[in-house]
Amino acid sequence: MANEPTERYWSDLGLSLVNRPSNDSDHSKRVFKSHYGCSAVVVMKCWSLIRSLTLISSVKGLKPCHLLWALLFLKAYQTEMVLSSTTKASEKCTRKWVWLIIEAIAALEDHVVSICLISM
């Protein structure tokens, strides 16, 4: 898809969401991964797959930050109240986008997971 967010975009957005300075250092990459459970490259690819392979791309109001909210939730499994203070959105809004994104990630299973059956 045209104009997909870059790795740097994801890194900057993710670190700003958790109030951390952004730069190209290894430390910033570790901070990003410690909050989201994966690198900015993986987030970038996940976003691209979600946008191209699921029906979520047609949902009005979908923003890249919503993927980061979902990854924060999956990594730390915070309560909605705690997560919403990080996202600076209402609990209702946070819940809506987190679960929509989680369902979209789950829908990618057939495209990203391969199962090799070995007969013995």
N, C-alpha and C. Protein backbone atom coordinates (compact mmCIF):
# COMPACT_ATOMS: atom_id res chain seq x y z
N MET A 1 0.84 -1.18 0.00
CA MET A 1 0.00 0.00 0.00
C MET A 1 0.88 1.25 0.00
N ALA A 2 0.41 2.27 -0.63
CA ALA A 2 1.18 3.51 -0.72
C ALA A 2 1.21 4.23 0.63
N ASN A 3 2.31 4.91 0.85
CA ASN A 3 2.46 5.74 2.04
C ASN A 3 2.29 4.99 3.36
N GLU A 4 2.80 3.79 3.43
CA GLU A 4 2.77 3.05 4.69
C GLU A 4 3.76 3.69 5.66
N PRO A 5 3.44 3.71 6.94
CA PRO A 5 4.38 4.27 7.93
C PRO A 5 5.71 3.51 7.94
N THR A 6 6.78 4.23 8.13
CA THR A 6 8.13 3.65 8.13
C THR A 6 8.48 3.11 9.51
N GLU A 7 9.58 2.39 9.56
CA GLU A 7 10.09 1.89 10.84
C GLU A 7 10.33 3.04 11.80
N ARG A 8 10.92 4.11 11.31
CA ARG A 8 11.22 5.28 12.14
C ARG A 8 9.93 5.90 12.69
N TYR A 9 8.91 5.97 11.85
CA TYR A 9 7.61 6.49 12.28
C TYR A 9 7.09 5.68 13.46
N TRP A 10 7.10 4.33 13.33
CA TRP A 10 6.61 3.47 14.40
C TRP A 10 7.42 3.62 15.67
N SER A 11 8.74 3.72 15.51
CA SER A 11 9.61 3.88 16.67
C SER A 11 9.30 5.19 17.39
N ASP A 12 9.21 6.27 16.65
CA ASP A 12 8.91 7.58 17.24
C ASP A 12 7.54 7.60 17.91
N LEU A 13 6.54 7.05 17.23
CA LEU A 13 5.18 7.03 17.78
C LEU A 13 5.11 6.17 19.05
N GLY A 14 5.73 5.00 18.99
CA GLY A 14 5.69 4.09 20.13
C GLY A 14 6.40 4.65 21.35
N LEU A 15 7.54 5.25 21.14
CA LEU A 15 8.29 5.80 22.27
C LEU A 15 7.60 7.03 22.84
N SER A 16 6.99 7.85 21.98
CA SER A 16 6.28 9.03 22.50
C SER A 16 5.05 8.61 23.31
N LEU A 17 4.42 7.51 22.92
CA LEU A 17 3.24 7.03 23.65
C LEU A 17 3.58 6.66 25.08
N VAL A 18 4.79 6.18 25.30
CA VAL A 18 5.21 5.79 26.65
C VAL A 18 6.17 6.82 27.26
N ASN A 19 6.13 8.03 26.70
CA ASN A 19 6.92 9.16 27.23
C ASN A 19 8.41 8.88 27.31
N ARG A 20 8.96 8.31 26.25
CA ARG A 20 10.39 8.05 26.19
C ARG A 20 10.97 8.79 24.99
N PRO A 21 12.20 9.28 25.11
CA PRO A 21 12.83 9.99 23.98
C PRO A 21 13.12 9.02 22.84
N SER A 22 13.05 9.54 21.64
CA SER A 22 13.25 8.71 20.46
C SER A 22 14.55 9.08 19.76
N ASN A 23 15.34 8.07 19.45
CA ASN A 23 16.52 8.23 18.60
C ASN A 23 16.86 6.86 18.01
N ASP A 24 17.92 6.78 17.26
CA ASP A 24 18.26 5.52 16.59
C ASP A 24 19.16 4.62 17.43
N SER A 25 19.27 4.87 18.70
CA SER A 25 20.19 4.09 19.53
C SER A 25 19.65 2.70 19.82
N ASP A 26 20.56 1.80 20.17
CA ASP A 26 20.16 0.45 20.57
C ASP A 26 19.27 0.50 21.82
N HIS A 27 19.56 1.47 22.69
CA HIS A 27 18.75 1.61 23.91
C HIS A 27 17.29 1.90 23.56
N SER A 28 17.05 2.82 22.63
CA SER A 28 15.68 3.15 22.22
C SER A 28 14.99 1.93 21.62
N LYS A 29 15.73 1.14 20.87
CA LYS A 29 15.15 -0.08 20.30
C LYS A 29 14.77 -1.08 21.39
N ARG A 30 15.59 -1.18 22.42
CA ARG A 30 15.29 -2.07 23.54
C ARG A 30 14.08 -1.57 24.32
N VAL A 31 14.00 -0.25 24.52
CA VAL A 31 12.85 0.33 25.22
C VAL A 31 11.57 0.04 24.44
N PHE A 32 11.61 0.24 23.14
CA PHE A 32 10.45 -0.03 22.29
C PHE A 32 10.03 -1.49 22.44
N LYS A 33 10.98 -2.38 22.29
CA LYS A 33 10.67 -3.81 22.37
C LYS A 33 10.17 -4.22 23.75
N SER A 34 10.69 -3.59 24.80
CA SER A 34 10.25 -3.94 26.15
C SER A 34 8.80 -3.52 26.40
N HIS A 35 8.34 -2.47 25.72
CA HIS A 35 6.96 -2.02 25.89
C HIS A 35 5.98 -2.75 24.97
N TYR A 36 6.41 -3.07 23.76
CA TYR A 36 5.48 -3.60 22.76
C TYR A 36 5.70 -5.08 22.43
N GLY A 37 6.78 -5.65 22.91
CA GLY A 37 7.01 -7.08 22.71
C GLY A 37 7.62 -7.45 21.39
N CYS A 38 7.92 -6.47 20.55
CA CYS A 38 8.54 -6.73 19.26
C CYS A 38 9.19 -5.43 18.77
N SER A 39 9.92 -5.54 17.69
CA SER A 39 10.62 -4.37 17.15
C SER A 39 9.66 -3.51 16.32
N ALA A 40 10.10 -2.32 16.00
CA ALA A 40 9.31 -1.41 15.16
C ALA A 40 9.13 -2.00 13.76
N VAL A 41 10.09 -2.79 13.29
CA VAL A 41 9.97 -3.43 11.98
C VAL A 41 8.81 -4.42 11.98
N VAL A 42 8.70 -5.21 13.04
CA VAL A 42 7.61 -6.18 13.15
C VAL A 42 6.26 -5.45 13.23
N VAL A 43 6.22 -4.37 13.97
CA VAL A 43 4.98 -3.57 14.07
C VAL A 43 4.61 -3.03 12.69
N MET A 44 5.60 -2.53 11.97
CA MET A 44 5.38 -2.00 10.62
C MET A 44 4.79 -3.08 9.70
N LYS A 45 5.36 -4.28 9.75
CA LYS A 45 4.86 -5.37 8.91
C LYS A 45 3.47 -5.82 9.35
N CYS A 46 3.25 -5.86 10.63
CA CYS A 46 1.93 -6.24 11.16
C CYS A 46 0.87 -5.25 10.69
N TRP A 47 1.16 -3.98 10.77
CA TRP A 47 0.23 -2.95 10.32
C TRP A 47 -0.08 -3.13 8.83
N SER A 48 0.93 -3.37 8.05
CA SER A 48 0.75 -3.55 6.62
C SER A 48 -0.16 -4.76 6.34
N LEU A 49 0.08 -5.86 7.05
CA LEU A 49 -0.76 -7.05 6.88
C LEU A 49 -2.20 -6.80 7.32
N ILE A 50 -2.35 -6.16 8.45
CA ILE A 50 -3.70 -5.85 8.94
C ILE A 50 -4.45 -5.01 7.93
N ARG A 51 -3.78 -4.02 7.39
CA ARG A 51 -4.43 -3.11 6.43
C ARG A 51 -4.74 -3.79 5.11
N SER A 52 -3.93 -4.76 4.71
CA SER A 52 -4.14 -5.38 3.40
C SER A 52 -4.95 -6.67 3.44
N LEU A 53 -4.93 -7.39 4.56
CA LEU A 53 -5.53 -8.72 4.58
C LEU A 53 -6.78 -8.86 5.44
N THR A 54 -7.17 -7.83 6.13
CA THR A 54 -8.35 -7.95 6.99
C THR A 54 -9.36 -6.86 6.63
N LEU A 55 -10.55 -7.06 7.10
CA LEU A 55 -11.63 -6.10 6.85
C LEU A 55 -11.49 -4.84 7.69
N ILE A 56 -10.57 -4.86 8.62
CA ILE A 56 -10.41 -3.72 9.52
C ILE A 56 -9.99 -2.45 8.79
N SER A 57 -9.36 -2.59 7.63
CA SER A 57 -8.88 -1.42 6.91
C SER A 57 -10.02 -0.47 6.52
N SER A 58 -11.23 -0.98 6.47
CA SER A 58 -12.36 -0.13 6.11
C SER A 58 -13.03 0.53 7.32
N VAL A 59 -12.53 0.24 8.51
CA VAL A 59 -13.12 0.80 9.73
C VAL A 59 -12.74 2.28 9.84
N LYS A 60 -13.73 3.12 9.96
CA LYS A 60 -13.50 4.56 10.06
C LYS A 60 -12.83 4.90 11.39
N GLY A 61 -11.80 5.72 11.33
CA GLY A 61 -11.13 6.18 12.54
C GLY A 61 -9.92 5.35 12.94
N LEU A 62 -9.62 4.29 12.21
CA LEU A 62 -8.48 3.44 12.53
C LEU A 62 -7.18 4.22 12.37
N LYS A 63 -6.33 4.19 13.40
CA LYS A 63 -5.07 4.91 13.39
C LYS A 63 -3.93 3.98 13.80
N PRO A 64 -2.72 4.27 13.38
CA PRO A 64 -1.57 3.44 13.78
C PRO A 64 -1.42 3.30 15.29
N CYS A 65 -1.75 4.33 16.04
CA CYS A 65 -1.59 4.25 17.49
C CYS A 65 -2.45 3.14 18.09
N HIS A 66 -3.54 2.78 17.43
CA HIS A 66 -4.40 1.72 17.95
C HIS A 66 -3.70 0.37 17.96
N LEU A 67 -2.85 0.13 16.98
CA LEU A 67 -2.04 -1.10 16.99
C LEU A 67 -1.10 -1.09 18.18
N LEU A 68 -0.49 0.04 18.46
CA LEU A 68 0.41 0.13 19.61
C LEU A 68 -0.35 -0.06 20.91
N TRP A 69 -1.55 0.46 21.01
CA TRP A 69 -2.36 0.25 22.21
C TRP A 69 -2.58 -1.24 22.43
N ALA A 70 -2.93 -1.95 21.35
CA ALA A 70 -3.20 -3.39 21.46
C ALA A 70 -1.94 -4.14 21.86
N LEU A 71 -0.80 -3.76 21.30
CA LEU A 71 0.45 -4.44 21.66
C LEU A 71 0.84 -4.16 23.11
N LEU A 72 0.61 -2.94 23.57
CA LEU A 72 0.85 -2.63 24.99
C LEU A 72 -0.02 -3.52 25.88
N PHE A 73 -1.28 -3.65 25.49
CA PHE A 73 -2.20 -4.48 26.26
C PHE A 73 -1.74 -5.93 26.28
N LEU A 74 -1.38 -6.46 25.12
CA LEU A 74 -0.94 -7.85 25.04
C LEU A 74 0.35 -8.10 25.80
N LYS A 75 1.24 -7.13 25.80
CA LYS A 75 2.53 -7.29 26.47
C LYS A 75 2.39 -7.23 27.99
N ALA A 76 1.63 -6.26 28.48
CA ALA A 76 1.56 -6.05 29.93
C ALA A 76 0.26 -6.50 30.57
N TYR A 77 -0.76 -6.74 29.75
CA TYR A 77 -2.10 -7.14 30.20
C TYR A 77 -2.58 -6.24 31.33
N GLN A 78 -2.51 -4.93 31.07
CA GLN A 78 -2.95 -3.94 32.05
C GLN A 78 -4.48 -3.86 32.08
N THR A 79 -5.01 -3.38 33.18
CA THR A 79 -6.45 -3.14 33.24
C THR A 79 -6.78 -2.01 32.26
N GLU A 80 -8.04 -1.93 31.88
CA GLU A 80 -8.46 -0.87 30.97
C GLU A 80 -8.20 0.51 31.56
N MET A 81 -8.38 0.64 32.85
CA MET A 81 -8.16 1.92 33.51
C MET A 81 -6.70 2.35 33.40
N VAL A 82 -5.80 1.43 33.64
CA VAL A 82 -4.37 1.75 33.57
C VAL A 82 -3.97 2.03 32.12
N LEU A 83 -4.38 1.17 31.20
CA LEU A 83 -4.04 1.35 29.79
C LEU A 83 -4.60 2.66 29.25
N SER A 84 -5.81 3.00 29.63
CA SER A 84 -6.41 4.24 29.12
C SER A 84 -5.67 5.48 29.62
N SER A 85 -5.02 5.38 30.77
CA SER A 85 -4.22 6.52 31.22
C SER A 85 -2.96 6.68 30.35
N THR A 86 -2.46 5.58 29.83
CA THR A 86 -1.32 5.64 28.91
C THR A 86 -1.76 6.15 27.55
N THR A 87 -2.90 5.66 27.07
CA THR A 87 -3.37 6.05 25.74
C THR A 87 -3.98 7.46 25.72
N LYS A 88 -4.30 7.96 26.89
CA LYS A 88 -4.94 9.28 27.02
C LYS A 88 -6.29 9.30 26.29
N ALA A 89 -6.96 8.16 26.31
CA ALA A 89 -8.30 8.02 25.73
C ALA A 89 -9.20 7.41 26.80
N SER A 90 -10.48 7.47 26.58
CA SER A 90 -11.41 6.88 27.55
C SER A 90 -11.24 5.36 27.57
N GLU A 91 -11.71 4.76 28.64
CA GLU A 91 -11.65 3.30 28.74
C GLU A 91 -12.46 2.66 27.61
N LYS A 92 -13.61 3.24 27.30
CA LYS A 92 -14.47 2.71 26.24
C LYS A 92 -13.76 2.76 24.89
N CYS A 93 -13.13 3.89 24.59
CA CYS A 93 -12.40 4.05 23.33
C CYS A 93 -11.22 3.08 23.26
N THR A 94 -10.47 3.01 24.34
CA THR A 94 -9.32 2.11 24.39
C THR A 94 -9.76 0.67 24.18
N ARG A 95 -10.81 0.26 24.88
CA ARG A 95 -11.33 -1.11 24.74
C ARG A 95 -11.73 -1.41 23.30
N LYS A 96 -12.45 -0.49 22.70
CA LYS A 96 -12.92 -0.68 21.32
C LYS A 96 -11.76 -0.99 20.38
N TRP A 97 -10.73 -0.13 20.40
CA TRP A 97 -9.64 -0.28 19.45
C TRP A 97 -8.72 -1.44 19.80
N VAL A 98 -8.47 -1.66 21.06
CA VAL A 98 -7.60 -2.77 21.46
C VAL A 98 -8.17 -4.10 20.97
N TRP A 99 -9.43 -4.33 21.23
CA TRP A 99 -10.02 -5.62 20.86
C TRP A 99 -10.24 -5.75 19.36
N LEU A 100 -10.51 -4.66 18.68
CA LEU A 100 -10.63 -4.69 17.23
C LEU A 100 -9.30 -5.10 16.59
N ILE A 101 -8.22 -4.52 17.09
CA ILE A 101 -6.89 -4.84 16.57
C ILE A 101 -6.49 -6.27 16.94
N ILE A 102 -6.76 -6.69 18.16
CA ILE A 102 -6.42 -8.06 18.57
C ILE A 102 -7.13 -9.07 17.66
N GLU A 103 -8.39 -8.83 17.37
CA GLU A 103 -9.13 -9.72 16.47
C GLU A 103 -8.53 -9.70 15.06
N ALA A 104 -8.08 -8.54 14.61
CA ALA A 104 -7.46 -8.45 13.28
C ALA A 104 -6.14 -9.22 13.25
N ILE A 105 -5.36 -9.11 14.32
CA ILE A 105 -4.10 -9.86 14.40
C ILE A 105 -4.39 -11.36 14.37
N ALA A 106 -5.38 -11.78 15.12
CA ALA A 106 -5.76 -13.20 15.15
C ALA A 106 -6.19 -13.68 13.76
N ALA A 107 -6.85 -12.82 13.00
CA ALA A 107 -7.31 -13.18 11.66
C ALA A 107 -6.15 -13.38 10.68
N LEU A 108 -4.97 -12.92 11.05
CA LEU A 108 -3.79 -13.07 10.18
C LEU A 108 -3.15 -14.45 10.29
N GLU A 109 -3.64 -15.26 11.20
CA GLU A 109 -3.00 -16.55 11.48
C GLU A 109 -2.73 -17.36 10.21
N ASP A 110 -3.69 -17.49 9.33
CA ASP A 110 -3.51 -18.29 8.13
C ASP A 110 -2.45 -17.73 7.19
N HIS A 111 -2.15 -16.45 7.32
CA HIS A 111 -1.18 -15.81 6.44
C HIS A 111 0.23 -15.78 7.00
N VAL A 112 0.36 -15.94 8.30
CA VAL A 112 1.70 -15.80 8.90
C VAL A 112 2.18 -17.03 9.66
N VAL A 113 1.30 -17.99 9.90
CA VAL A 113 1.70 -19.19 10.63
C VAL A 113 1.64 -20.37 9.68
N SER A 114 2.72 -21.11 9.60
CA SER A 114 2.70 -22.31 8.75
C SER A 114 2.78 -23.53 9.64
N ILE A 115 2.03 -24.51 9.26
CA ILE A 115 2.02 -25.77 10.02
C ILE A 115 2.51 -26.87 9.07
N CYS A 116 3.60 -27.47 9.45
CA CYS A 116 4.15 -28.56 8.64
C CYS A 116 3.75 -29.87 9.30
N LEU A 117 3.02 -30.68 8.56
CA LEU A 117 2.61 -31.97 9.07
C LEU A 117 3.61 -33.03 8.61
N ILE A 118 4.12 -33.73 9.53
CA ILE A 118 5.09 -34.78 9.22
C ILE A 118 4.44 -36.12 9.55
N SER A 119 4.33 -36.97 8.54
CA SER A 119 3.76 -38.29 8.82
C SER A 119 4.88 -39.25 9.16
N MET A 120 4.62 -40.03 10.14
CA MET A 120 5.64 -40.99 10.57
C MET A 120 5.19 -42.39 10.32
